[in-house]
Amino acid sequence: MVSATSGEALQGGQQMSEACVSGTVQLPPDGNPVILLAEHQTTGGYAVPAVVIQADLWKVGQMRVGETLRFVRTTRAEATAALQQLHAQAAEVRPRAPEQAEFNLALLAAGVNQLGGVDEHAQAVESM
């Protein structure tokens, strides 16, 4: 492949820059694929073998380092249907305000951590 601006051949997995969307899978020269999510750049110059459909982006965002996934070829109609189904499921979940009785104010004041654990002081308060 030849660069349109310099006339020199591009190296490695590089190619002419093209637009990127959330879900773009880029394949850099080291062979380790990169899936672009919300904070992605607007253009990229690596090979793009696939794009994750919008309905599955949340799954990619929840992956841990080293986890694997499998790509399945899909059509635009199937991708649209999957997104509509995801939106319908989300509409079924209605947020509600918790009742005051659901809070243990003593534990909250004592310092319950964000993971649901309780520090030593909170355990002492609870045992009183």
N, C-alpha and C. Protein backbone atom coordinates (compact mmCIF):
# COMPACT_ATOMS: atom_id res chain seq x y z
N MET A 1 0.85 -1.17 0.00
CA MET A 1 0.00 0.00 0.00
C MET A 1 0.90 1.23 0.00
N VAL A 2 0.50 2.26 -0.68
CA VAL A 2 1.28 3.48 -0.79
C VAL A 2 0.53 4.63 -0.17
N SER A 3 1.25 5.45 0.59
CA SER A 3 0.65 6.62 1.21
C SER A 3 0.30 7.65 0.14
N ALA A 4 -0.87 8.25 0.27
CA ALA A 4 -1.32 9.24 -0.71
C ALA A 4 -0.50 10.52 -0.62
N THR A 5 0.10 10.79 0.54
CA THR A 5 0.81 12.06 0.71
C THR A 5 2.30 11.95 0.43
N SER A 6 2.93 10.86 0.86
CA SER A 6 4.38 10.80 0.75
C SER A 6 4.88 9.94 -0.39
N GLY A 7 4.07 9.04 -0.91
CA GLY A 7 4.51 8.13 -1.95
C GLY A 7 5.30 6.96 -1.41
N GLU A 8 5.51 6.88 -0.06
CA GLU A 8 6.24 5.78 0.54
C GLU A 8 5.27 4.70 1.00
N ALA A 9 5.76 3.45 1.01
CA ALA A 9 4.94 2.33 1.48
C ALA A 9 4.75 2.43 2.98
N LEU A 10 3.56 2.10 3.46
CA LEU A 10 3.28 2.10 4.90
C LEU A 10 3.89 0.84 5.51
N GLN A 11 4.31 0.92 6.76
CA GLN A 11 4.98 -0.18 7.44
C GLN A 11 4.01 -0.93 8.36
N GLY A 12 4.32 -2.21 8.63
CA GLY A 12 3.58 -3.01 9.60
C GLY A 12 2.11 -3.12 9.25
N GLY A 13 1.25 -2.96 10.25
CA GLY A 13 -0.18 -3.07 10.07
C GLY A 13 -0.85 -1.77 9.71
N GLN A 14 -0.06 -0.75 9.37
CA GLN A 14 -0.63 0.55 9.07
C GLN A 14 -1.29 0.57 7.70
N GLN A 15 -2.25 1.43 7.56
CA GLN A 15 -2.94 1.66 6.30
C GLN A 15 -3.36 3.12 6.27
N MET A 16 -4.01 3.53 5.24
CA MET A 16 -4.52 4.90 5.16
C MET A 16 -5.51 5.11 6.30
N SER A 17 -5.49 6.30 6.90
CA SER A 17 -6.41 6.59 7.99
C SER A 17 -7.85 6.53 7.51
N GLU A 18 -8.72 6.04 8.40
CA GLU A 18 -10.15 6.00 8.12
C GLU A 18 -10.91 6.29 9.40
N ALA A 19 -12.16 6.62 9.27
CA ALA A 19 -12.98 6.97 10.43
C ALA A 19 -13.12 5.77 11.36
N CYS A 20 -13.21 6.06 12.67
CA CYS A 20 -13.41 5.04 13.69
C CYS A 20 -14.70 5.32 14.44
N VAL A 21 -15.41 4.27 14.79
CA VAL A 21 -16.61 4.37 15.61
C VAL A 21 -16.40 3.52 16.85
N SER A 22 -17.24 3.71 17.87
CA SER A 22 -17.17 2.83 19.03
C SER A 22 -17.40 1.40 18.57
N GLY A 23 -16.54 0.50 19.01
CA GLY A 23 -16.64 -0.89 18.62
C GLY A 23 -15.66 -1.29 17.52
N THR A 24 -14.96 -0.31 16.94
CA THR A 24 -13.98 -0.62 15.90
C THR A 24 -12.90 -1.52 16.49
N VAL A 25 -12.59 -2.60 15.81
CA VAL A 25 -11.51 -3.49 16.21
C VAL A 25 -10.33 -3.17 15.32
N GLN A 26 -9.25 -2.67 15.92
CA GLN A 26 -8.04 -2.36 15.17
C GLN A 26 -7.02 -3.46 15.40
N LEU A 27 -6.24 -3.76 14.39
CA LEU A 27 -5.21 -4.79 14.48
C LEU A 27 -3.85 -4.15 14.20
N PRO A 28 -3.15 -3.71 15.26
CA PRO A 28 -1.82 -3.10 15.08
C PRO A 28 -0.78 -4.16 14.70
N PRO A 29 0.43 -3.72 14.35
CA PRO A 29 1.46 -4.65 13.90
C PRO A 29 1.82 -5.75 14.89
N ASP A 30 1.65 -5.52 16.19
CA ASP A 30 2.01 -6.57 17.16
C ASP A 30 1.01 -7.72 17.19
N GLY A 31 -0.11 -7.58 16.48
CA GLY A 31 -1.09 -8.65 16.37
C GLY A 31 -2.10 -8.72 17.50
N ASN A 32 -1.99 -7.86 18.51
CA ASN A 32 -2.94 -7.83 19.62
C ASN A 32 -4.07 -6.87 19.28
N PRO A 33 -5.28 -7.38 19.05
CA PRO A 33 -6.39 -6.51 18.66
C PRO A 33 -6.75 -5.52 19.76
N VAL A 34 -7.23 -4.36 19.34
CA VAL A 34 -7.67 -3.30 20.25
C VAL A 34 -9.09 -2.94 19.85
N ILE A 35 -10.01 -2.96 20.82
CA ILE A 35 -11.39 -2.58 20.56
C ILE A 35 -11.60 -1.18 21.11
N LEU A 36 -11.99 -0.26 20.24
CA LEU A 36 -12.18 1.13 20.63
C LEU A 36 -13.56 1.30 21.27
N LEU A 37 -13.59 2.01 22.39
CA LEU A 37 -14.85 2.24 23.09
C LEU A 37 -15.15 3.73 23.13
N ALA A 38 -15.79 4.22 24.17
CA ALA A 38 -16.33 5.59 24.21
C ALA A 38 -15.31 6.68 23.98
N GLU A 39 -14.10 6.55 24.48
CA GLU A 39 -13.10 7.61 24.38
C GLU A 39 -12.15 7.39 23.20
N HIS A 40 -12.63 6.81 22.13
CA HIS A 40 -11.78 6.48 21.00
C HIS A 40 -11.42 7.71 20.16
N GLN A 41 -10.35 7.56 19.40
CA GLN A 41 -9.97 8.61 18.46
C GLN A 41 -10.95 8.63 17.28
N THR A 42 -10.91 9.66 16.49
CA THR A 42 -11.85 9.79 15.37
C THR A 42 -11.38 9.09 14.11
N THR A 43 -10.06 8.90 13.97
CA THR A 43 -9.53 8.18 12.81
C THR A 43 -8.44 7.23 13.27
N GLY A 44 -8.16 6.24 12.45
CA GLY A 44 -7.11 5.28 12.78
C GLY A 44 -6.47 4.75 11.51
N GLY A 45 -5.24 4.25 11.66
CA GLY A 45 -4.50 3.78 10.50
C GLY A 45 -4.11 2.33 10.57
N TYR A 46 -4.75 1.52 11.41
CA TYR A 46 -4.49 0.09 11.46
C TYR A 46 -5.60 -0.67 10.75
N ALA A 47 -5.34 -1.91 10.42
CA ALA A 47 -6.34 -2.75 9.78
C ALA A 47 -7.55 -2.90 10.71
N VAL A 48 -8.74 -2.92 10.13
CA VAL A 48 -9.99 -3.05 10.88
C VAL A 48 -10.71 -4.31 10.39
N PRO A 49 -10.48 -5.44 11.08
CA PRO A 49 -11.11 -6.69 10.63
C PRO A 49 -12.57 -6.83 11.04
N ALA A 50 -13.02 -6.02 12.03
CA ALA A 50 -14.39 -6.16 12.52
C ALA A 50 -14.81 -4.92 13.28
N VAL A 51 -16.12 -4.83 13.55
CA VAL A 51 -16.68 -3.79 14.40
C VAL A 51 -17.70 -4.48 15.31
N VAL A 52 -17.60 -4.25 16.62
CA VAL A 52 -18.54 -4.81 17.58
C VAL A 52 -19.84 -4.02 17.46
N ILE A 53 -20.98 -4.73 17.38
CA ILE A 53 -22.26 -4.03 17.26
C ILE A 53 -22.56 -3.27 18.55
N GLN A 54 -23.31 -2.21 18.43
CA GLN A 54 -23.60 -1.33 19.56
C GLN A 54 -24.26 -2.08 20.72
N ALA A 55 -25.10 -3.04 20.43
CA ALA A 55 -25.79 -3.79 21.48
C ALA A 55 -24.83 -4.62 22.33
N ASP A 56 -23.63 -4.91 21.83
CA ASP A 56 -22.68 -5.73 22.57
C ASP A 56 -21.53 -4.93 23.18
N LEU A 57 -21.52 -3.63 22.99
CA LEU A 57 -20.42 -2.82 23.52
C LEU A 57 -20.32 -2.90 25.04
N TRP A 58 -21.46 -2.99 25.73
CA TRP A 58 -21.43 -3.07 27.18
C TRP A 58 -20.69 -4.32 27.63
N LYS A 59 -20.82 -5.41 26.88
CA LYS A 59 -20.12 -6.65 27.24
C LYS A 59 -18.61 -6.47 27.11
N VAL A 60 -18.19 -5.81 26.06
CA VAL A 60 -16.76 -5.55 25.85
C VAL A 60 -16.23 -4.66 26.98
N GLY A 61 -17.01 -3.67 27.36
CA GLY A 61 -16.60 -2.77 28.43
C GLY A 61 -16.45 -3.46 29.78
N GLN A 62 -17.08 -4.60 29.96
CA GLN A 62 -17.00 -5.34 31.22
C GLN A 62 -15.90 -6.39 31.23
N MET A 63 -15.22 -6.57 30.09
CA MET A 63 -14.18 -7.61 30.00
C MET A 63 -12.97 -7.24 30.83
N ARG A 64 -12.31 -8.26 31.33
CA ARG A 64 -11.06 -8.09 32.05
C ARG A 64 -9.90 -8.42 31.13
N VAL A 65 -8.73 -7.93 31.49
CA VAL A 65 -7.52 -8.20 30.71
C VAL A 65 -7.33 -9.71 30.60
N GLY A 66 -7.07 -10.18 29.41
CA GLY A 66 -6.81 -11.60 29.19
C GLY A 66 -8.04 -12.42 28.83
N GLU A 67 -9.24 -11.87 29.02
CA GLU A 67 -10.44 -12.60 28.64
C GLU A 67 -10.53 -12.65 27.12
N THR A 68 -11.21 -13.66 26.63
CA THR A 68 -11.35 -13.80 25.19
C THR A 68 -12.81 -13.64 24.79
N LEU A 69 -13.01 -13.37 23.52
CA LEU A 69 -14.36 -13.29 22.98
C LEU A 69 -14.36 -13.88 21.57
N ARG A 70 -15.52 -14.16 21.08
CA ARG A 70 -15.67 -14.74 19.75
C ARG A 70 -16.56 -13.83 18.93
N PHE A 71 -16.13 -13.52 17.73
CA PHE A 71 -16.92 -12.69 16.83
C PHE A 71 -17.81 -13.56 15.97
N VAL A 72 -19.03 -13.08 15.76
CA VAL A 72 -20.00 -13.77 14.91
C VAL A 72 -20.45 -12.79 13.84
N ARG A 73 -20.39 -13.21 12.60
CA ARG A 73 -20.83 -12.34 11.51
C ARG A 73 -22.32 -12.05 11.67
N THR A 74 -22.70 -10.81 11.44
CA THR A 74 -24.09 -10.40 11.59
C THR A 74 -24.46 -9.44 10.47
N THR A 75 -25.74 -9.21 10.34
CA THR A 75 -26.22 -8.26 9.33
C THR A 75 -26.63 -6.97 10.02
N ARG A 76 -26.83 -5.95 9.24
CA ARG A 76 -27.31 -4.68 9.81
C ARG A 76 -28.67 -4.88 10.48
N ALA A 77 -29.54 -5.66 9.87
CA ALA A 77 -30.88 -5.90 10.44
C ALA A 77 -30.77 -6.63 11.79
N GLU A 78 -29.87 -7.61 11.88
CA GLU A 78 -29.70 -8.34 13.14
C GLU A 78 -29.11 -7.43 14.22
N ALA A 79 -28.17 -6.58 13.84
CA ALA A 79 -27.58 -5.64 14.80
C ALA A 79 -28.63 -4.65 15.30
N THR A 80 -29.47 -4.17 14.40
CA THR A 80 -30.54 -3.24 14.78
C THR A 80 -31.53 -3.92 15.71
N ALA A 81 -31.90 -5.16 15.41
CA ALA A 81 -32.85 -5.90 16.24
C ALA A 81 -32.26 -6.15 17.63
N ALA A 82 -30.96 -6.46 17.70
CA ALA A 82 -30.31 -6.69 19.00
C ALA A 82 -30.32 -5.41 19.84
N LEU A 83 -30.09 -4.27 19.21
CA LEU A 83 -30.10 -2.99 19.93
C LEU A 83 -31.51 -2.65 20.40
N GLN A 84 -32.51 -2.90 19.56
CA GLN A 84 -33.90 -2.66 19.96
C GLN A 84 -34.29 -3.55 21.14
N GLN A 85 -33.84 -4.80 21.13
CA GLN A 85 -34.13 -5.71 22.24
C GLN A 85 -33.46 -5.22 23.53
N LEU A 86 -32.22 -4.75 23.42
CA LEU A 86 -31.51 -4.23 24.59
C LEU A 86 -32.24 -3.01 25.16
N HIS A 87 -32.71 -2.12 24.29
CA HIS A 87 -33.45 -0.94 24.74
C HIS A 87 -34.76 -1.35 25.41
N ALA A 88 -35.44 -2.37 24.86
CA ALA A 88 -36.69 -2.84 25.46
C ALA A 88 -36.44 -3.42 26.85
N GLN A 89 -35.36 -4.17 27.01
CA GLN A 89 -35.02 -4.73 28.32
C GLN A 89 -34.71 -3.62 29.31
N ALA A 90 -34.00 -2.60 28.86
CA ALA A 90 -33.65 -1.49 29.75
C ALA A 90 -34.90 -0.73 30.18
N ALA A 91 -35.89 -0.62 29.30
CA ALA A 91 -37.12 0.10 29.63
C ALA A 91 -37.92 -0.64 30.70
N GLU A 92 -37.73 -1.98 30.79
CA GLU A 92 -38.45 -2.77 31.78
C GLU A 92 -37.92 -2.53 33.19
N VAL A 93 -36.70 -2.09 33.30
CA VAL A 93 -36.08 -1.85 34.60
C VAL A 93 -36.40 -0.42 35.02
N ARG A 94 -37.16 -0.29 36.05
CA ARG A 94 -37.57 1.02 36.53
C ARG A 94 -36.80 1.35 37.80
N PRO A 95 -36.06 2.44 37.80
CA PRO A 95 -35.37 2.81 39.04
C PRO A 95 -36.37 3.25 40.09
N ARG A 96 -36.05 2.98 41.33
CA ARG A 96 -36.92 3.41 42.41
C ARG A 96 -36.06 3.98 43.52
N ALA A 97 -36.61 4.91 44.24
CA ALA A 97 -35.91 5.50 45.38
C ALA A 97 -36.00 4.53 46.55
N PRO A 98 -34.90 4.27 47.23
CA PRO A 98 -34.96 3.36 48.38
C PRO A 98 -35.73 3.99 49.53
N GLU A 99 -36.37 3.16 50.29
CA GLU A 99 -37.09 3.61 51.48
C GLU A 99 -36.08 3.88 52.60
N GLN A 100 -36.39 4.83 53.48
CA GLN A 100 -35.47 5.19 54.56
C GLN A 100 -35.18 3.99 55.44
N ALA A 101 -36.14 3.11 55.63
CA ALA A 101 -35.95 1.94 56.48
C ALA A 101 -34.91 0.98 55.91
N GLU A 102 -34.58 1.11 54.63
CA GLU A 102 -33.60 0.22 54.02
C GLU A 102 -32.16 0.63 54.34
N PHE A 103 -31.96 1.79 54.96
CA PHE A 103 -30.63 2.26 55.29
C PHE A 103 -30.32 2.00 56.75
N ASN A 104 -29.12 1.54 57.03
CA ASN A 104 -28.64 1.44 58.39
C ASN A 104 -27.75 2.66 58.60
N LEU A 105 -28.33 3.73 59.14
CA LEU A 105 -27.63 5.00 59.27
C LEU A 105 -26.40 4.90 60.16
N ALA A 106 -26.43 4.03 61.15
CA ALA A 106 -25.26 3.87 62.03
C ALA A 106 -24.08 3.33 61.24
N LEU A 107 -24.34 2.36 60.38
CA LEU A 107 -23.25 1.80 59.55
C LEU A 107 -22.75 2.83 58.55
N LEU A 108 -23.66 3.57 57.95
CA LEU A 108 -23.23 4.59 57.00
C LEU A 108 -22.37 5.65 57.68
N ALA A 109 -22.78 6.08 58.87
CA ALA A 109 -22.01 7.08 59.61
C ALA A 109 -20.66 6.53 60.05
N ALA A 110 -20.60 5.22 60.28
CA ALA A 110 -19.36 4.60 60.74
C ALA A 110 -18.37 4.34 59.61
N GLY A 111 -18.79 4.41 58.38
CA GLY A 111 -17.84 4.28 57.27
C GLY A 111 -17.91 2.99 56.49
N VAL A 112 -19.04 2.62 56.01
CA VAL A 112 -19.13 1.46 55.12
C VAL A 112 -18.39 1.81 53.85
N ASN A 113 -17.51 0.91 53.40
CA ASN A 113 -16.76 1.25 52.18
C ASN A 113 -17.60 0.99 50.94
N GLN A 114 -17.11 1.41 49.79
CA GLN A 114 -17.88 1.34 48.55
C GLN A 114 -18.12 -0.09 48.09
N LEU A 115 -17.32 -1.05 48.56
CA LEU A 115 -17.50 -2.43 48.15
C LEU A 115 -18.47 -3.18 49.05
N GLY A 116 -19.05 -2.48 49.98
CA GLY A 116 -20.03 -3.12 50.85
C GLY A 116 -19.43 -3.64 52.14
N GLY A 117 -18.11 -3.57 52.27
CA GLY A 117 -17.45 -4.00 53.49
C GLY A 117 -17.61 -2.96 54.57
N VAL A 118 -17.29 -3.33 55.78
CA VAL A 118 -17.43 -2.43 56.91
C VAL A 118 -16.06 -2.30 57.58
N ASP A 119 -15.67 -1.09 57.90
CA ASP A 119 -14.39 -0.93 58.59
C ASP A 119 -14.53 -1.36 60.05
N GLU A 120 -13.43 -1.40 60.80
CA GLU A 120 -13.42 -1.88 62.18
C GLU A 120 -14.35 -1.07 63.07
N HIS A 121 -14.36 0.26 62.88
CA HIS A 121 -15.21 1.12 63.70
C HIS A 121 -16.68 0.79 63.47
N ALA A 122 -17.05 0.55 62.23
CA ALA A 122 -18.45 0.24 61.92
C ALA A 122 -18.82 -1.11 62.53
N GLN A 123 -17.90 -2.06 62.56
CA GLN A 123 -18.19 -3.36 63.18
C GLN A 123 -18.42 -3.21 64.68
N ALA A 124 -17.64 -2.32 65.30
CA ALA A 124 -17.80 -2.06 66.73
C ALA A 124 -19.16 -1.42 67.00
N VAL A 125 -19.59 -0.49 66.14
CA VAL A 125 -20.88 0.17 66.31
C VAL A 125 -22.00 -0.85 66.16
N GLU A 126 -21.85 -1.74 65.18
CA GLU A 126 -22.88 -2.75 64.91
C GLU A 126 -23.04 -3.71 66.08
N SER A 127 -21.94 -4.04 66.76
CA SER A 127 -22.00 -5.00 67.85
C SER A 127 -22.57 -4.40 69.13
N MET A 128 -22.72 -3.09 69.19
CA MET A 128 -23.26 -2.44 70.39
C MET A 128 -24.71 -2.69 70.56
